[in-house]
Protein backbone atom coordinates (compact mmCIF):
# COMPACT_ATOMS: atom_id res chain seq x y z
CA MET A 1 -12.77 180.70 40.75
CA ALA A 2 -10.66 183.00 38.66
CA LYS A 3 -9.11 181.62 35.78
CA TYR A 4 -5.88 182.60 34.86
CA VAL A 5 -3.64 182.90 31.51
CA GLU A 6 0.14 183.12 31.78
CA PHE A 7 2.39 184.49 29.21
CA ASP A 8 5.84 185.03 28.94
CA GLY A 9 6.73 188.60 27.66
CA LYS A 10 10.76 187.27 26.57
CA LYS A 11 9.35 185.38 23.39
CA ILE A 12 8.26 188.86 22.39
CA GLY A 13 10.53 190.83 23.51
CA THR A 14 9.11 193.02 27.24
CA GLY A 15 10.45 190.69 29.67
CA THR A 16 7.92 190.67 31.14
CA LYS A 17 5.22 188.22 33.00
CA TYR A 18 2.20 188.28 32.23
CA LYS A 19 -0.69 187.07 33.81
CA LEU A 20 -4.12 187.53 32.56
CA ILE A 21 -7.75 186.95 34.45
CA ASP A 22 -11.26 186.76 33.21
CA SER A 23 -12.14 189.86 33.76
CA GLY A 24 -14.53 191.64 32.02
CA GLU A 25 -12.42 193.62 30.03
CA ASN A 26 -10.48 191.00 29.01
CA ILE A 27 -13.22 188.26 27.40
CA LYS A 28 -14.50 191.60 25.89
CA LYS A 29 -11.62 192.10 24.20
CA THR A 30 -10.99 188.14 23.45
CA ILE A 31 -14.41 187.95 21.95
CA ASN A 32 -14.23 190.53 19.64
CA HIS A 33 -10.59 189.91 18.20
CA TYR A 34 -12.26 185.96 17.65
CA ILE A 35 -15.18 187.48 15.81
CA SER A 36 -12.31 189.18 13.79
CA ILE A 37 -10.69 186.37 13.23
CA GLN A 38 -13.50 183.83 12.21
CA LYS A 39 -14.75 187.27 9.19
CA ALA A 40 -11.87 187.03 7.88
CA ALA A 41 -12.12 183.60 7.42
CA ASN A 42 -15.71 183.13 6.37
CA GLU A 43 -14.85 185.53 3.29
CA ILE A 44 -12.76 182.95 1.20
CA ASP A 45 -14.06 181.04 -0.95
CA ASP A 46 -13.61 177.50 0.29
CA ASP A 47 -12.78 175.69 -3.24
CA ASP A 48 -9.73 178.68 -3.31
CA TYR A 49 -7.07 177.80 -2.53
CA LEU A 50 -4.48 180.48 -2.92
CA ALA A 51 -7.50 182.83 -0.83
CA SER A 52 -7.15 180.65 1.97
CA ILE A 53 -3.37 181.03 1.38
CA LYS A 54 -4.02 184.36 1.93
CA GLN A 55 -6.67 184.46 4.22
CA SER A 56 -3.45 182.53 6.38
CA GLY A 57 -1.27 185.96 6.09
CA SER A 58 -4.27 187.75 7.07
CA THR A 59 -4.95 185.63 10.31
CA VAL A 60 -1.23 186.29 11.58
CA ASP A 61 -1.85 190.13 11.36
CA LEU A 62 -5.19 189.49 13.81
CA ILE A 63 -3.33 187.69 16.34
CA ALA A 64 -0.47 189.75 16.66
CA THR A 65 -3.13 192.76 17.01
CA ALA A 66 -5.04 190.64 20.09
CA VAL A 67 -1.52 189.73 21.13
CA CYS A 68 -1.20 193.40 21.63
CA ASP A 69 -4.49 194.11 22.80
CA LEU A 70 -4.65 191.58 25.41
CA LEU A 71 -0.93 192.43 26.71
CA GLU A 72 -1.89 196.13 26.46
CA LEU A 73 1.98 196.44 25.18
CA ASN A 74 3.05 200.26 24.87
CA ALA A 75 3.78 201.51 20.93
CA ALA A 76 7.32 200.37 21.04
CA GLN A 77 6.51 197.06 22.02
CA ALA A 78 3.57 197.05 19.81
CA LYS A 79 5.60 197.49 16.84
CA ARG A 80 8.03 194.91 17.50
CA VAL A 81 5.03 192.31 17.81
CA LYS A 82 2.78 194.07 14.32
CA ASN A 83 5.96 193.86 12.60
CA LEU A 84 5.98 189.89 12.94
CA GLU A 85 9.29 189.67 14.63
CA PHE A 86 8.87 187.07 17.22
CA SER A 87 7.49 183.49 17.14
CA PHE A 88 3.32 183.66 15.18
CA SER A 89 3.27 179.45 17.72
CA ASP A 90 3.96 181.16 20.22
CA GLU A 91 1.38 184.37 19.90
CA TYR A 92 -0.72 181.54 18.43
CA ASP A 93 -0.90 179.62 22.15
CA PHE A 94 -1.40 182.83 23.60
CA PHE A 95 -4.33 183.89 22.28
CA ASN A 96 -5.60 180.11 21.85
CA ASP A 97 -5.30 180.31 25.57
CA CYS A 98 -7.15 182.95 26.16
CA LEU A 99 -10.30 181.80 23.91
CA THR A 100 -10.20 178.32 25.99
CA SER A 101 -9.71 179.73 28.79
CA PHE A 102 -12.30 182.32 28.83
CA LEU A 103 -14.83 181.75 26.32
CA GLY A 104 -14.70 177.45 25.84
CA LEU A 105 -13.86 177.80 22.50
CA GLY A 106 -10.04 176.93 20.76
CA LEU A 107 -8.42 177.91 17.14
CA PRO A 108 -7.64 175.12 15.22
CA SER A 109 -4.34 173.62 15.53
CA MET A 110 -1.52 175.05 13.93
CA ASP A 111 -0.37 171.05 14.30
CA ASP A 112 0.28 168.39 11.27
CA ASP A 113 -1.24 165.83 13.27
CA ASP A 114 -4.72 165.94 12.34
CA SER A 115 -4.12 165.67 8.61
CA ASN A 116 -3.38 161.56 10.41
CA ASP A 117 -6.32 161.44 11.58
CA THR A 118 -7.98 160.02 7.94
CA ASP A 119 -4.88 157.51 7.76
CA ASP A 120 -5.38 156.16 11.28
CA ALA A 121 -8.62 155.55 10.90
CA GLU A 122 -7.95 153.59 7.33
CA GLU A 123 -4.82 151.78 8.51
CA GLN A 124 -7.39 150.56 11.64
CA GLU A 125 -10.06 149.21 9.31
CA ASP A 126 -12.64 146.02 10.71
CA PRO A 127 -11.47 143.33 9.14
CA LYS A 128 -14.97 141.42 9.20
């Protein structure tokens, strides 16, 4: 059964409703963009906090490029996305939906909820 990812183009100023199918071409595009993001992440030194912050900036650009490619935006539309005029979290969620639906992979959550996991574990310490 075909898998689909839907995206409301109003979020990036196109006004088009997109519905991407898990075609071979869309899967290849998703794989290639994911590899680019992972390569960029692997190039940083985990102990260098500033390098991690700089890498986050490159991730923004890589996600914007992936969105433009997957949605097959024209030059004018792509320019606005690549100029970062729209919500990064909407674009991030769309690309993550493509990863999840097409490849069974996912990007790390952008929510701060993950940072509370260790606090919860400490609070739920076994009273024995």
